[in-house]
N, C-alpha and C. Protein backbone atom coordinates (compact mmCIF):
# COMPACT_ATOMS: atom_id res chain seq x y z
N UNK A 1 0.93 -1.49 -0.23
CA UNK A 1 -0.34 -0.21 0.14
C UNK A 1 1.24 1.75 0.14
N UNK A 2 1.94 1.15 0.80
CA UNK A 2 3.34 2.13 0.49
C UNK A 2 2.92 2.12 -0.89
N UNK A 3 3.95 1.81 -1.15
CA UNK A 3 3.98 2.10 -2.40
C UNK A 3 3.20 2.47 -3.14
N UNK A 4 2.36 1.65 -3.16
CA UNK A 4 1.13 3.13 -4.34
C UNK A 4 0.69 4.32 -3.65
N UNK A 5 0.82 4.75 -2.23
CA UNK A 5 0.01 5.80 -1.09
C UNK A 5 1.61 7.10 -1.82
N UNK A 6 2.00 6.47 -1.59
CA UNK A 6 3.72 7.39 -1.86
C UNK A 6 4.80 7.14 -2.08
N UNK A 7 4.37 7.92 -3.21
CA UNK A 7 4.81 8.12 -5.43
C UNK A 7 6.39 9.39 -4.67
N UNK A 8 7.52 9.50 -4.98
CA UNK A 8 8.05 10.81 -5.60
C UNK A 8 6.94 10.73 -6.25
N UNK A 9 6.64 12.58 -6.44
CA UNK A 9 6.24 13.80 -7.10
C UNK A 9 7.29 14.66 -7.38
N UNK A 10 8.43 14.80 -6.74
CA UNK A 10 9.58 15.77 -7.32
C UNK A 10 9.51 15.12 -8.59
N UNK A 11 10.30 16.40 -9.08
CA UNK A 11 11.59 15.92 -10.64
C UNK A 11 12.20 16.05 -10.00
N UNK A 12 13.31 15.55 -10.85
CA UNK A 12 15.03 15.33 -10.55
C UNK A 12 15.47 15.88 -10.61
N UNK A 13 16.72 16.79 -9.37
CA UNK A 13 16.96 17.28 -9.21
C UNK A 13 18.93 17.56 -10.71
N UNK A 14 18.17 18.56 -11.53
CA UNK A 14 19.57 18.22 -12.45
C UNK A 14 20.91 18.76 -11.88
N UNK A 15 21.58 17.62 -12.29
CA UNK A 15 23.15 17.62 -11.35
C UNK A 15 23.72 18.18 -12.27
N UNK A 16 25.17 18.70 -11.52
CA UNK A 16 26.28 19.96 -11.82
C UNK A 16 27.68 18.87 -12.73
N UNK A 17 27.68 20.42 -13.58
CA UNK A 17 29.09 19.68 -14.34
C UNK A 17 30.02 19.12 -12.81
N UNK A 18 30.17 19.29 -12.44
CA UNK A 18 31.09 18.64 -10.84
C UNK A 18 31.52 17.05 -10.87
N UNK A 19 29.36 16.87 -10.22
CA UNK A 19 28.80 15.24 -10.33
C UNK A 19 29.18 14.61 -11.93
N UNK A 20 29.07 14.71 -12.74
CA UNK A 20 29.41 15.16 -13.48
C UNK A 20 30.81 13.66 -13.94
N UNK A 21 31.91 15.27 -14.07
CA UNK A 21 33.52 15.08 -14.06
C UNK A 21 33.60 13.55 -12.75
N UNK A 22 33.31 13.80 -11.46
CA UNK A 22 33.46 13.17 -10.17
C UNK A 22 32.72 11.95 -11.03
N UNK A 23 31.25 11.52 -11.52
CA UNK A 23 31.35 10.46 -12.12
C UNK A 23 31.83 9.69 -12.55
N UNK A 24 32.61 10.09 -13.46
CA UNK A 24 33.32 10.10 -14.45
C UNK A 24 34.87 9.71 -13.63
N UNK A 25 35.17 10.06 -12.61
CA UNK A 25 35.91 9.55 -12.11
C UNK A 25 36.16 8.17 -11.72
N UNK A 26 35.18 8.30 -10.51
CA UNK A 26 34.94 7.29 -10.17
C UNK A 26 34.78 5.92 -11.24
N UNK A 27 33.75 6.32 -12.10
CA UNK A 27 33.96 5.05 -13.02
C UNK A 27 35.22 4.58 -13.33
N UNK A 28 35.89 5.56 -14.17
CA UNK A 28 37.37 4.78 -13.98
C UNK A 28 37.82 4.16 -13.32
N UNK A 29 37.30 4.95 -11.66
CA UNK A 29 38.86 4.10 -10.28
C UNK A 29 38.04 2.66 -9.97
N UNK A 30 36.56 2.74 -10.60
CA UNK A 30 35.81 1.43 -10.48
C UNK A 30 36.69 1.00 -11.42
N UNK A 31 36.60 1.36 -12.45
CA UNK A 31 36.89 -0.04 -13.72
C UNK A 31 38.78 -0.05 -13.49
N UNK A 32 39.70 0.28 -12.83
CA UNK A 32 40.63 0.16 -12.66
C UNK A 32 41.28 -0.92 -11.99
N UNK A 33 40.52 -1.13 -10.33
CA UNK A 33 40.18 -1.54 -10.08
C UNK A 33 39.48 -3.47 -10.62
N UNK A 34 38.77 -2.81 -10.56
CA UNK A 34 38.38 -4.28 -11.29
C UNK A 34 39.63 -5.34 -12.94
N UNK A 35 39.93 -4.06 -13.77
CA UNK A 35 40.99 -5.03 -14.56
C UNK A 35 42.29 -5.38 -13.44
N UNK A 36 42.78 -5.02 -12.26
CA UNK A 36 43.52 -5.32 -11.78
C UNK A 36 44.10 -6.03 -10.59
N UNK A 37 42.28 -6.48 -10.47
CA UNK A 37 41.97 -7.74 -9.59
C UNK A 37 41.71 -8.91 -10.07
N UNK A 38 41.37 -8.68 -11.42
CA UNK A 38 41.13 -9.62 -12.63
C UNK A 38 42.32 -10.09 -12.40
N UNK A 39 43.57 -9.41 -12.58
CA UNK A 39 44.82 -9.66 -13.21
C UNK A 39 45.56 -10.64 -11.79
N UNK A 40 45.81 -9.82 -10.78
CA UNK A 40 45.56 -10.38 -9.05
C UNK A 40 45.19 -11.69 -9.57
N UNK A 41 43.77 -11.73 -9.42
CA UNK A 41 43.12 -13.62 -9.18
C UNK A 41 43.75 -14.76 -10.68
N UNK A 42 44.14 -14.21 -10.95
CA UNK A 42 44.80 -14.08 -12.53
C UNK A 42 45.63 -15.48 -12.02
N UNK A 43 46.40 -14.66 -11.44
CA UNK A 43 48.18 -14.94 -10.67
C UNK A 43 47.74 -15.31 -10.07
N UNK A 44 47.45 -15.96 -8.44
CA UNK A 44 47.30 -15.98 -7.50
C UNK A 44 47.92 -16.41 -6.80
N UNK A 45 49.49 -17.66 -7.56
CA UNK A 45 50.61 -17.43 -6.56
C UNK A 45 51.68 -16.39 -6.80
N UNK A 46 51.97 -15.72 -7.94
CA UNK A 46 52.71 -14.97 -8.10
C UNK A 46 52.09 -14.44 -7.00
N UNK A 47 50.63 -13.25 -6.55
CA UNK A 47 50.40 -12.59 -5.96
C UNK A 47 51.29 -13.07 -4.47
N UNK A 48 50.34 -14.28 -3.99
CA UNK A 48 50.88 -14.73 -2.72
C UNK A 48 53.09 -14.69 -2.80
N UNK A 49 53.83 -14.41 -4.16
CA UNK A 49 55.20 -15.02 -3.68
C UNK A 49 55.54 -13.88 -3.49
N UNK A 50 54.95 -12.40 -3.65
CA UNK A 50 55.09 -10.69 -3.52
C UNK A 50 54.86 -10.27 -1.91
N UNK A 51 53.55 -10.80 -1.98
CA UNK A 51 53.36 -10.88 -0.96
C UNK A 51 53.96 -11.53 -0.13
N UNK A 52 54.73 -12.10 0.27
CA UNK A 52 55.61 -13.29 1.03
C UNK A 52 56.52 -12.23 0.76
N UNK A 53 57.41 -12.74 -0.36
CA UNK A 53 58.59 -11.07 -0.74
C UNK A 53 58.90 -9.63 0.49
N UNK A 54 57.65 -9.52 0.00
CA UNK A 54 56.99 -8.15 0.41
C UNK A 54 57.44 -8.69 2.68
N UNK A 55 56.58 -8.91 3.08
CA UNK A 55 57.25 -8.79 4.34
C UNK A 55 58.21 -9.29 4.86
N UNK A 56 58.70 -10.44 4.46
CA UNK A 56 60.38 -11.12 4.20
C UNK A 56 61.24 -9.48 4.43
N UNK A 57 61.54 -8.86 2.56
CA UNK A 57 61.90 -7.73 2.91
C UNK A 57 61.61 -6.68 4.36
N UNK A 58 60.44 -6.26 4.40
CA UNK A 58 60.21 -5.74 5.26
C UNK A 58 60.86 -5.99 6.83
N UNK A 59 61.08 -7.48 7.20
CA UNK A 59 61.20 -7.84 8.99
C UNK A 59 62.77 -7.66 8.27
N UNK A 60 63.34 -7.89 6.99
CA UNK A 60 64.71 -7.28 7.20
C UNK A 60 65.34 -6.70 7.07
N UNK A 61 64.85 -5.80 6.89
CA UNK A 61 64.92 -3.81 6.79
C UNK A 61 65.31 -3.56 8.61
N UNK A 62 63.41 -4.34 9.12
CA UNK A 62 63.40 -3.98 10.50
C UNK A 62 64.75 -4.61 11.67
N UNK A 63 65.16 -4.88 11.68
CA UNK A 63 66.13 -5.51 11.66
C UNK A 63 67.75 -4.25 11.46
N UNK A 64 67.48 -4.47 10.24
CA UNK A 64 69.56 -4.19 9.22
C UNK A 64 69.40 -2.32 10.17
N UNK A 65 68.24 -2.07 9.22
CA UNK A 65 68.35 -0.23 9.57
C UNK A 65 68.23 -0.10 11.17
N UNK A 66 68.85 1.42 11.32
CA UNK A 66 68.69 2.14 12.65
C UNK A 66 67.76 2.33 12.88
N UNK A 67 67.20 2.37 14.32
CA UNK A 67 66.39 3.42 15.21
C UNK A 67 66.16 4.44 15.56
N UNK A 68 67.00 4.47 15.93
CA UNK A 68 67.09 6.04 16.99
C UNK A 68 67.69 7.07 16.48
N UNK A 69 65.87 8.01 16.81
CA UNK A 69 65.15 8.50 16.17
C UNK A 69 65.88 10.09 16.66
N UNK A 70 66.83 9.87 18.41
CA UNK A 70 67.48 10.99 19.01
C UNK A 70 68.71 10.53 19.21
N UNK A 71 69.77 11.73 19.36
CA UNK A 71 71.09 11.16 19.46
C UNK A 71 71.08 10.71 21.28
N UNK A 72 72.44 9.99 20.13
CA UNK A 72 72.71 9.02 22.44
C UNK A 72 72.21 10.69 23.30
N UNK A 73 73.58 10.86 23.01
CA UNK A 73 73.09 12.43 23.42
C UNK A 73 71.48 13.81 24.50
N UNK A 74 70.81 13.21 23.76
CA UNK A 74 69.91 14.00 24.09
C UNK A 74 69.49 13.08 25.25
N UNK A 75 68.80 14.60 26.80
CA UNK A 75 67.59 13.60 27.87
C UNK A 75 66.60 13.86 27.99
N UNK A 76 66.39 14.46 26.99
CA UNK A 76 64.55 15.24 26.68
C UNK A 76 64.77 15.68 28.16
N UNK A 77 65.78 16.87 28.67
CA UNK A 77 65.32 17.88 29.38
C UNK A 77 65.68 19.02 28.98
N UNK A 78 64.44 19.87 29.67
CA UNK A 78 63.99 21.23 28.70
C UNK A 78 64.47 22.41 30.02
N UNK A 79 65.33 23.56 29.22
CA UNK A 79 65.68 23.66 30.21
C UNK A 79 65.36 25.36 30.23
N UNK A 80 64.66 26.11 31.03
CA UNK A 80 64.25 27.08 30.88
C UNK A 80 64.88 28.61 31.66
N UNK A 81 65.85 29.91 31.48
CA UNK A 81 66.19 30.93 32.45
C UNK A 81 65.78 32.36 32.17
N UNK A 82 65.78 32.46 32.75
CA UNK A 82 64.75 33.67 33.19
C UNK A 82 66.23 34.59 33.45
N UNK A 83 66.48 36.13 33.44
CA UNK A 83 66.76 36.56 33.45
C UNK A 83 66.00 37.65 33.95
N UNK A 84 66.28 38.43 34.89
CA UNK A 84 66.07 39.52 35.33
C UNK A 84 66.73 41.40 35.20
N UNK A 85 66.29 42.13 34.31
CA UNK A 85 66.85 43.02 34.58
C UNK A 85 66.87 43.83 34.27
N UNK A 86 67.62 43.44 35.94
CA UNK A 86 67.96 44.76 36.44
C UNK A 86 69.82 45.17 37.10
């Protein structure tokens, strides 16, 4: 009953140029995602190898790269000095 009684009587709004442009960009992103997903699913084993290689490389770089952001001499103390004008 509601679908018969409550019908949309308003005229559809005219869309702006920005809407059409953003819709075109959005659709191209969706299409690109679909194409890349198809390639990844076609070559699943290679994708798995690349993922494992990335994980191993990340762990190796974590071990090899130095992690000291601050110099050893940095004690974390802030010193403020006030001089009187007299």
